[in-house]
Protein backbone atom coordinates (compact mmCIF):
# COMPACT_ATOMS: atom_id res chain seq x y z
CA MET A 1 8.79 48.69 -55.18
CA PRO A 2 7.84 49.95 -58.74
CA PRO A 3 6.74 53.62 -58.82
CA GLU A 4 3.22 52.62 -59.94
CA ALA A 5 2.86 50.27 -56.90
CA SER A 6 4.32 52.92 -54.59
CA ALA A 7 1.87 55.55 -55.82
CA SER A 8 -1.02 53.05 -55.48
CA ALA A 9 -0.06 52.19 -51.94
CA LEU A 10 0.22 55.90 -51.00
CA GLY A 11 -3.12 56.68 -52.53
CA ARG A 12 -4.73 53.71 -50.55
CA GLN A 13 -3.06 54.96 -47.44
CA ARG A 14 -4.45 58.46 -47.84
CA ARG A 15 -7.85 57.02 -48.60
CA ILE A 16 -7.86 54.98 -45.40
CA GLY A 17 -6.69 58.02 -43.37
CA LEU A 18 -9.45 60.20 -44.85
CA ARG A 19 -12.02 57.46 -44.15
CA VAL A 20 -10.94 57.39 -40.52
CA ALA A 21 -10.98 61.14 -40.18
CA LEU A 22 -14.42 61.47 -41.73
CA ALA A 23 -15.93 58.63 -39.75
CA VAL A 24 -14.60 59.90 -36.33
CA ALA A 25 -15.55 63.51 -37.06
CA ALA A 26 -19.14 62.60 -38.30
CA GLY A 27 -19.60 60.12 -35.50
CA LEU A 28 -18.53 62.30 -32.61
CA THR A 29 -20.48 65.30 -34.01
CA LEU A 30 -23.56 63.05 -34.45
CA GLY A 31 -23.15 61.67 -30.95
CA MET A 32 -22.93 65.09 -29.39
CA ALA A 33 -25.99 66.30 -31.48
CA THR A 34 -28.11 63.53 -30.43
CA GLY A 35 -27.05 63.57 -26.76
CA ALA A 36 -25.33 60.09 -26.70
CA VAL A 37 -24.27 59.00 -23.23
CA ILE A 38 -20.73 57.89 -24.43
CA PRO A 39 -20.46 59.87 -27.76
CA PHE A 40 -16.93 58.64 -28.57
CA LEU A 41 -17.79 54.93 -28.47
CA GLY A 42 -19.11 54.67 -32.09
CA PRO A 43 -16.13 56.70 -33.56
CA LEU A 44 -13.71 54.55 -31.51
CA PHE A 45 -15.04 51.37 -32.95
CA ALA A 46 -15.35 52.79 -36.59
CA ALA A 47 -11.65 53.70 -36.39
CA GLN A 48 -10.71 50.16 -35.35
CA PHE A 49 -12.78 48.69 -38.28
CA LEU A 50 -11.50 51.18 -40.90
CA LEU A 51 -7.85 50.66 -40.02
CA ALA A 52 -8.22 47.04 -40.98
CA GLY A 53 -8.36 48.34 -44.60
CA LYS A 54 -11.05 46.35 -46.28
CA PRO A 55 -14.82 46.97 -45.62
CA LEU A 56 -16.23 44.92 -42.85
CA PRO A 57 -18.18 42.05 -44.35
CA PHE A 58 -21.75 41.50 -43.25
CA GLY A 59 -20.86 38.19 -41.58
CA LYS A 60 -18.15 39.83 -39.49
CA ALA A 61 -20.16 42.80 -38.73
CA ALA A 62 -22.92 40.45 -37.37
CA GLY A 63 -20.27 38.50 -35.47
CA MET A 64 -19.06 41.87 -33.84
CA VAL A 65 -22.67 42.73 -32.79
CA GLY A 66 -22.99 39.17 -31.39
CA LEU A 67 -19.74 39.49 -29.51
CA VAL A 68 -20.93 42.76 -27.86
CA LEU A 69 -24.18 41.11 -26.92
CA VAL A 70 -22.53 37.98 -25.49
CA VAL A 71 -19.60 39.67 -23.67
CA GLY A 72 -21.70 42.66 -22.65
CA GLN A 73 -24.55 40.71 -21.15
CA THR A 74 -22.13 38.19 -19.55
CA PHE A 75 -20.37 41.00 -17.58
CA VAL A 76 -23.65 42.68 -16.72
CA LEU A 77 -24.72 39.36 -15.12
CA LEU A 78 -21.35 38.70 -13.46
CA THR A 79 -21.22 42.23 -11.99
CA GLY A 80 -24.76 41.76 -10.67
CA LEU A 81 -23.83 38.47 -9.06
CA PHE A 82 -20.39 39.34 -7.78
CA GLY A 83 -20.47 43.13 -7.32
CA ASP A 84 -20.41 42.84 -3.51
CA ARG A 85 -17.64 40.26 -3.79
CA PRO A 86 -14.72 42.12 -5.48
CA LEU A 87 -12.27 39.32 -5.16
CA GLN A 88 -14.36 36.91 -7.12
CA LEU A 89 -15.30 39.60 -9.68
CA LEU A 90 -11.67 40.48 -10.22
CA THR A 91 -10.72 36.85 -10.65
CA LEU A 92 -13.29 36.44 -13.44
CA LEU A 93 -12.20 39.62 -15.00
CA GLY A 94 -8.53 38.41 -14.95
CA LEU A 95 -9.44 35.17 -16.59
CA PHE A 96 -11.18 37.05 -19.43
CA TYR A 97 -8.25 39.46 -19.90
CA LEU A 98 -5.87 36.57 -19.95
CA ILE A 99 -7.82 34.85 -22.91
CA CYS A 100 -7.82 38.21 -24.77
CA PHE A 101 -4.12 38.87 -24.29
CA ALA A 102 -3.17 35.27 -25.03
CA ALA A 103 -4.99 35.48 -28.39
CA HIS A 104 -3.38 38.86 -29.17
CA ALA A 105 0.12 37.50 -28.19
CA GLN A 106 -0.37 34.87 -30.84
CA GLY A 107 -1.25 37.48 -33.54
CA LYS A 108 -5.06 36.56 -33.47
CA GLY A 109 -8.21 38.35 -32.82
CA GLY A 110 -7.71 41.75 -34.71
CA PRO A 111 -10.11 44.50 -33.62
CA ALA A 112 -12.23 42.02 -31.66
CA ILE A 113 -9.53 41.95 -28.84
CA PHE A 114 -9.68 45.64 -28.28
CA LEU A 115 -13.47 45.61 -28.56
CA SER A 116 -13.74 42.86 -25.95
CA LEU A 117 -11.34 44.51 -23.59
CA VAL A 118 -13.20 47.79 -23.76
CA ILE A 119 -16.43 46.10 -23.01
CA ALA A 120 -14.86 44.06 -20.05
CA ILE A 121 -13.59 47.26 -18.60
CA MET A 122 -16.58 49.58 -19.16
CA VAL A 123 -19.37 47.34 -18.02
CA PRO A 124 -18.06 46.39 -14.49
CA LEU A 125 -16.82 49.89 -13.63
CA LEU A 126 -19.86 51.81 -14.91
CA ASP A 127 -22.26 49.25 -13.53
CA LEU A 128 -20.72 49.32 -10.00
CA LEU A 129 -20.53 53.13 -10.14
CA HIS A 130 -24.08 53.53 -11.48
CA GLY A 131 -26.45 50.62 -10.71
CA ASP A 132 -29.24 52.33 -12.74
CA LEU A 133 -27.18 51.64 -15.89
CA ASP A 134 -27.98 47.81 -15.80
CA GLU A 135 -30.54 47.93 -18.46
CA GLY A 136 -29.12 50.83 -20.37
CA MET A 137 -25.55 49.50 -20.63
CA MET A 138 -26.41 46.94 -23.31
CA ALA A 139 -28.20 49.64 -25.35
CA ILE A 140 -25.14 51.97 -25.03
CA LEU A 141 -22.76 49.16 -26.19
CA LEU A 142 -24.98 48.12 -29.11
CA GLN A 143 -25.50 51.66 -30.15
CA GLY A 144 -21.81 52.12 -30.08
CA VAL A 145 -20.82 48.99 -32.16
CA VAL A 146 -23.71 49.42 -34.69
CA SER A 147 -22.80 53.05 -35.23
CA GLY A 148 -19.23 52.18 -35.74
CA ILE A 149 -20.09 49.52 -38.24
CA VAL A 150 -22.42 51.93 -40.13
CA LEU A 151 -19.87 54.75 -40.04
CA SER A 152 -17.18 52.34 -41.40
CA TRP A 153 -19.48 51.23 -44.26
CA LEU A 154 -20.54 54.73 -45.26
CA ALA A 155 -16.84 55.84 -45.21
CA HIS A 156 -15.98 52.98 -47.64
CA ALA A 157 -18.99 53.80 -49.77
CA LEU A 158 -17.88 57.49 -49.95
CA LEU A 159 -14.23 56.64 -50.64
CA PRO A 160 -14.06 53.17 -52.28
CA ASP A 161 -10.79 51.42 -53.24
CA ARG A 162 -9.85 51.32 -56.82
CA GLU A 163 -10.10 47.97 -58.46
CA ALA A 164 -6.45 48.03 -59.52
CA GLU A 165 -5.22 48.48 -56.02
CA THR A 166 -3.80 45.55 -54.17
CA GLU A 167 -3.84 45.36 -50.43
CA GLU A 168 -0.55 44.77 -48.59
CA PRO A 169 -1.47 43.29 -45.25
CA ALA A 170 0.56 44.38 -42.31
CA PRO A 171 2.64 41.60 -40.80
CA VAL A 172 1.30 39.78 -37.80
CA VAL A 173 3.62 39.69 -34.85
CA ALA A 174 3.53 36.43 -32.80
CA LEU A 175 5.56 36.51 -29.50
CA GLY A 176 7.94 33.83 -28.46
CA ASN A 177 6.30 33.23 -24.97
CA PRO A 178 2.62 34.26 -25.55
CA LEU A 179 1.36 32.70 -22.26
CA LEU A 180 3.94 34.47 -20.15
CA ARG A 181 3.34 37.79 -21.90
CA ALA A 182 -0.51 37.35 -21.60
CA VAL A 183 -0.19 36.64 -17.74
CA ALA A 184 2.02 39.78 -17.24
CA SER A 185 -0.39 41.95 -19.35
CA THR A 186 -3.40 40.56 -17.41
CA ALA A 187 -1.78 41.48 -14.08
CA ILE A 188 -1.00 44.97 -15.34
CA LEU A 189 -4.53 45.62 -16.55
CA LEU A 190 -6.13 44.08 -13.59
CA GLY A 191 -4.06 46.32 -11.36
CA ALA A 192 -5.48 49.42 -13.15
CA VAL A 193 -9.10 48.11 -12.76
CA THR A 194 -8.59 47.28 -9.16
CA LEU A 195 -7.33 50.89 -8.47
CA CYS A 196 -10.48 52.29 -10.04
CA LEU A 197 -12.66 50.02 -7.84
CA THR A 198 -10.85 50.59 -4.65
CA HIS A 199 -9.46 54.13 -4.76
CA SER A 200 -11.97 56.94 -4.48
CA GLY A 201 -9.80 59.31 -6.45
CA PHE A 202 -9.96 56.91 -9.44
CA SER A 203 -13.54 55.75 -9.01
CA SER A 204 -14.59 57.36 -12.21
CA ALA A 205 -11.26 57.35 -14.02
CA ILE A 206 -12.38 54.72 -16.66
CA VAL A 207 -9.93 56.40 -19.02
CA VAL A 208 -7.07 54.83 -17.06
CA PRO A 209 -7.70 51.07 -17.65
CA ILE A 210 -8.85 51.77 -21.33
CA THR A 211 -5.61 53.66 -21.90
CA VAL A 212 -3.64 50.92 -20.26
CA ALA A 213 -5.28 48.26 -22.36
CA SER A 214 -4.56 50.25 -25.55
CA LEU A 215 -0.95 50.64 -24.62
CA LEU A 216 -0.52 47.01 -23.83
CA LEU A 217 -1.76 46.07 -27.30
CA GLN A 218 0.83 48.50 -28.67
CA LEU A 219 3.92 47.96 -26.45
CA ASP A 220 4.63 44.57 -28.16
CA LEU A 221 6.32 46.82 -30.80
CA ALA A 222 8.73 48.52 -28.37
CA ASN A 223 11.66 46.09 -28.44
CA SER A 224 14.09 48.92 -27.37
CA ALA A 225 14.15 51.97 -25.14
CA ARG A 226 14.04 54.26 -28.10
CA ALA A 227 10.92 52.54 -29.52
CA ALA A 228 9.24 52.71 -26.12
CA PHE A 229 9.99 56.38 -25.92
CA GLY A 230 8.54 56.94 -29.34
CA LEU A 231 5.40 55.09 -28.44
CA VAL A 232 4.91 57.15 -25.29
CA ALA A 233 5.59 60.35 -27.18
CA VAL A 234 2.94 59.45 -29.80
CA ASN A 235 0.33 58.57 -27.14
CA LEU A 236 1.20 61.91 -25.37
CA LEU A 237 0.56 63.58 -28.76
CA GLY A 238 -3.01 62.27 -28.62
CA GLY A 239 -3.45 63.85 -25.21
CA VAL A 240 -1.98 67.13 -26.35
CA LEU A 241 -4.20 67.21 -29.40
CA ALA A 242 -7.18 66.51 -27.27
CA SER A 243 -6.26 69.54 -25.02
CA LEU A 244 -5.94 71.82 -28.02
CA ALA A 245 -9.17 70.61 -29.56
CA PHE A 246 -10.99 71.00 -26.23
CA ALA A 247 -9.61 74.59 -25.99
CA PHE A 248 -10.87 75.44 -29.49
CA MET A 249 -14.34 74.02 -28.56
CA GLU A 250 -14.45 76.13 -25.36
CA LEU A 251 -13.83 79.12 -27.53
CA ARG A 252 -16.40 78.22 -30.26
CA PRO A 253 -18.84 75.64 -28.88
CA ALA A 254 -20.54 74.75 -32.09
CA LEU A 255 -21.14 71.48 -33.89
CA PRO A 256 -19.49 72.65 -37.20
CA MET A 257 -16.40 73.52 -35.25
CA LEU A 258 -16.43 70.10 -33.50
CA PHE A 259 -16.62 68.38 -36.90
CA LEU A 260 -13.66 70.45 -38.28
CA VAL A 261 -11.49 69.94 -35.28
CA THR A 262 -12.04 66.26 -35.10
CA LEU A 263 -11.49 65.97 -38.81
CA PHE A 264 -8.20 67.76 -38.59
CA VAL A 265 -6.94 65.57 -35.82
CA GLY A 266 -8.32 62.44 -37.59
CA LEU A 267 -6.26 63.30 -40.65
CA ILE A 268 -3.08 63.75 -38.57
CA LEU A 269 -3.38 60.57 -36.67
CA GLY A 270 -5.52 58.41 -38.99
CA GLY A 271 -3.20 58.87 -42.01
CA ARG A 272 -0.20 57.60 -40.08
CA ALA A 273 -2.20 54.78 -38.57
CA ALA A 274 -3.12 53.64 -42.12
CA VAL A 275 0.44 52.71 -43.06
CA SER A 276 0.98 48.93 -43.78
CA SER A 277 3.40 48.59 -40.78
CA PRO A 278 3.15 47.31 -37.23
CA SER A 279 4.18 50.80 -36.04
CA ALA A 280 0.86 52.08 -37.41
CA LYS A 281 -0.75 50.60 -34.36
CA VAL A 282 0.89 53.29 -32.25
CA TYR A 283 -0.79 56.07 -34.07
CA GLY A 284 -4.06 54.10 -33.84
CA GLY A 285 -3.60 53.99 -30.03
CA ALA A 286 -3.02 57.78 -30.06
CA LEU A 287 -6.21 58.26 -31.87
CA THR A 288 -7.90 56.15 -29.21
CA THR A 289 -6.42 58.38 -26.46
CA PHE A 290 -7.53 61.45 -28.32
CA LEU A 291 -11.24 60.20 -28.79
CA ILE A 292 -11.54 59.07 -25.28
CA LEU A 293 -10.18 62.29 -23.74
CA PHE A 294 -11.92 64.70 -26.14
CA GLY A 295 -15.18 62.82 -25.98
CA THR A 296 -15.18 62.68 -22.10
CA GLY A 297 -14.35 66.39 -22.00
CA LEU A 298 -17.28 67.28 -24.19
CA SER A 299 -19.65 64.90 -22.67
CA PRO A 300 -18.22 63.30 -19.51
CA LEU A 301 -18.87 59.57 -18.77
CA PRO A 302 -21.47 59.00 -16.00
CA GLY A 303 -20.04 59.87 -12.66
CA SER A 304 -17.14 62.04 -13.97
CA THR A 305 -18.88 65.41 -14.36
CA ALA A 306 -16.94 66.81 -11.35
CA GLU A 307 -13.62 66.25 -12.97
CA SER A 308 -11.87 68.88 -15.01
CA PHE A 309 -10.35 68.29 -18.32
CA ALA A 310 -6.89 68.75 -16.79
CA THR A 311 -7.64 65.94 -14.40
CA ARG A 312 -8.45 63.54 -17.22
CA ILE A 313 -5.26 64.57 -18.91
CA GLY A 314 -3.48 63.73 -15.59
CA PHE A 315 -5.21 60.31 -15.57
CA VAL A 316 -3.88 59.56 -19.10
CA LEU A 317 -0.31 60.55 -18.06
CA PHE A 318 -0.65 58.28 -15.01
CA ALA A 319 -1.93 55.44 -17.30
CA ILE A 320 1.02 55.83 -19.63
CA ALA A 321 3.54 55.99 -16.87
CA TYR A 322 2.00 52.99 -15.03
CA ALA A 323 1.79 50.84 -18.21
CA LEU A 324 5.39 51.62 -19.11
CA CYS A 325 6.82 50.95 -15.76
CA MET A 326 4.92 47.78 -15.16
CA THR A 327 5.80 46.42 -18.53
CA ALA A 328 9.44 47.07 -17.76
CA LEU A 329 9.15 45.21 -14.51
CA LEU A 330 6.90 42.31 -15.60
CA TRP A 331 7.52 41.74 -19.33
CA ALA A 332 10.39 39.53 -20.54
CA ARG A 333 11.68 40.67 -23.94
CA PRO A 334 11.45 37.51 -26.11
CA ARG A 335 12.28 37.51 -29.64
CA THR A 336 9.44 37.96 -31.96
CA ALA A 337 8.47 35.94 -35.07
CA THR A 338 6.88 37.76 -37.90
CA SER A 339 4.47 36.03 -40.31
CA SER A 340 2.12 37.34 -42.99
CA ALA A 341 -1.51 37.77 -42.10
């Protein structure tokens, strides 16, 4: 690569990382200041949109809002109909997870896959745990996705790309046996959701299935024991950074400190997640882990106020160990074919 192109790519990577850091810091601070029920949801979606590189077009933004409306309302209705029949509800959840993982295994869907999985995890669990969230659930989801879109647009407006820069899309990895991989991933995620629905100790541990879903979308990259160890280490880094950030906030519980701490972590993880490489997904997953843990530590999800921050860290460690062990047992290791996006 010529020096000019290399410098341009490096500048673009830094710009994306700075956009991500500013968006998650501003979004989490604003969510805490306004008393949002799930303050990390908007920053979480904003990071997904920004790591795609280009500004989200209005048509795709409208499609994301429509996706939230359709998927969210569908699972609100299904949970209302089958909430007292867990076997039927889990079967429907498994079918939806299968569709999402099948699309991902073929290199399709982009951020919409993770967005859909988060909704399909959050809605049934929170709805069954708190029936009074039936009406408010859609408002929470819409607020999250709309704030994520707005944050991503503002970040692009503040730090626009230079006209001379050319984008190098990250390669899309398509698996050799997408259906088999999708079935195995569905079984793994469904096991985590079932645990939360049936075990009292995990009844409010929504961080477990979300972390498992995030890892399942990353572990396609781990074609060796060394790569898998690196992936686990990076996700643990997200948990460690969340612990340190939470400790800082306990010492100085102020919104300016919240902004600075989140900005610092966003720069560490967001910059590496902005690299045009499949491995960047791992750092994006670590940022997801950080936002969920740190956000629930500052403003716990409904039904989780009795849990300590250390307990949530334990849930994340459990989710990582569970996902790694189950993928080792259930996943075949087919060769991957790489194509340009």
